Amino acid sequence: MRAGGGFSRVPRAPEKQGLRPMLFGPRGP
């Protein structure tokens, strides 16, 4: 999960994934 910069800084904000999918997509996997 450390690889996902988005998930690391926003672990309790699942709705942010929808607002910034570009950060959770390429940075997640």
C-alpha atoms as a PDB file:
ATOM      1  CA  MET A   1       0.000   0.000   0.000  1.00  0.00           C
ATOM      2  CA  ARG A   2       3.058   2.291   0.395  1.00  0.00           C
ATOM      3  CA  ALA A   3       3.451   2.211  -3.397  1.00  0.00           C
ATOM      4  CA  GLY A   4       0.088   3.983  -3.701  1.00  0.00           C
ATOM      5  CA  GLY A   5       0.889   7.590  -2.831  1.00  0.00           C
ATOM      6  CA  GLY A   6      -2.832   8.402  -3.081  1.00  0.00           C
ATOM      7  CA  PHE A   7      -3.885   5.593  -0.732  1.00  0.00           C
ATOM      8  CA  SER A   8      -1.070   6.426   1.678  1.00  0.00           C
ATOM      9  CA  ARG A   9      -2.056  10.068   2.126  1.00  0.00           C
ATOM     10  CA  VAL A  10      -5.807   9.384   1.852  1.00  0.00           C
ATOM     11  CA  PRO A  11      -6.543   6.002   3.492  1.00  0.00           C
ATOM     12  CA  ARG A  12      -9.813   7.159   5.060  1.00  0.00           C
ATOM     13  CA  ALA A  13     -11.144   9.038   2.007  1.00  0.00           C
ATOM     14  CA  PRO A  14     -12.535   6.524  -0.525  1.00  0.00           C
ATOM     15  CA  GLU A  15     -14.566   9.265  -2.208  1.00  0.00           C
ATOM     16  CA  LYS A  16     -11.322  11.031  -3.185  1.00  0.00           C
ATOM     17  CA  GLN A  17     -10.570   8.097  -5.505  1.00  0.00           C
ATOM     18  CA  GLY A  18     -13.505   9.185  -7.671  1.00  0.00           C
ATOM     19  CA  LEU A  19     -12.373  12.821  -7.656  1.00  0.00           C
ATOM     20  CA  ARG A  20      -8.738  11.930  -8.500  1.00  0.00           C
ATOM     21  CA  PRO A  21      -8.702   8.512 -10.217  1.00  0.00           C
ATOM     22  CA  MET A  22      -5.584   9.538 -12.176  1.00  0.00           C
ATOM     23  CA  LEU A  23      -3.620   9.567  -8.892  1.00  0.00           C
ATOM     24  CA  PHE A  24      -5.051   6.285  -7.635  1.00  0.00           C
ATOM     25  CA  GLY A  25      -4.833   4.522 -11.008  1.00  0.00           C
ATOM     26  CA  PRO A  26      -1.207   4.850 -12.137  1.00  0.00           C
ATOM     27  CA  ARG A  27       0.131   5.390  -8.603  1.00  0.00           C
ATOM     28  CA  GLY A  28      -1.931   2.576  -7.018  1.00  0.00           C
ATOM     29  CA  PRO A  29      -0.957  -0.535  -8.989  1.00  0.00           C
END
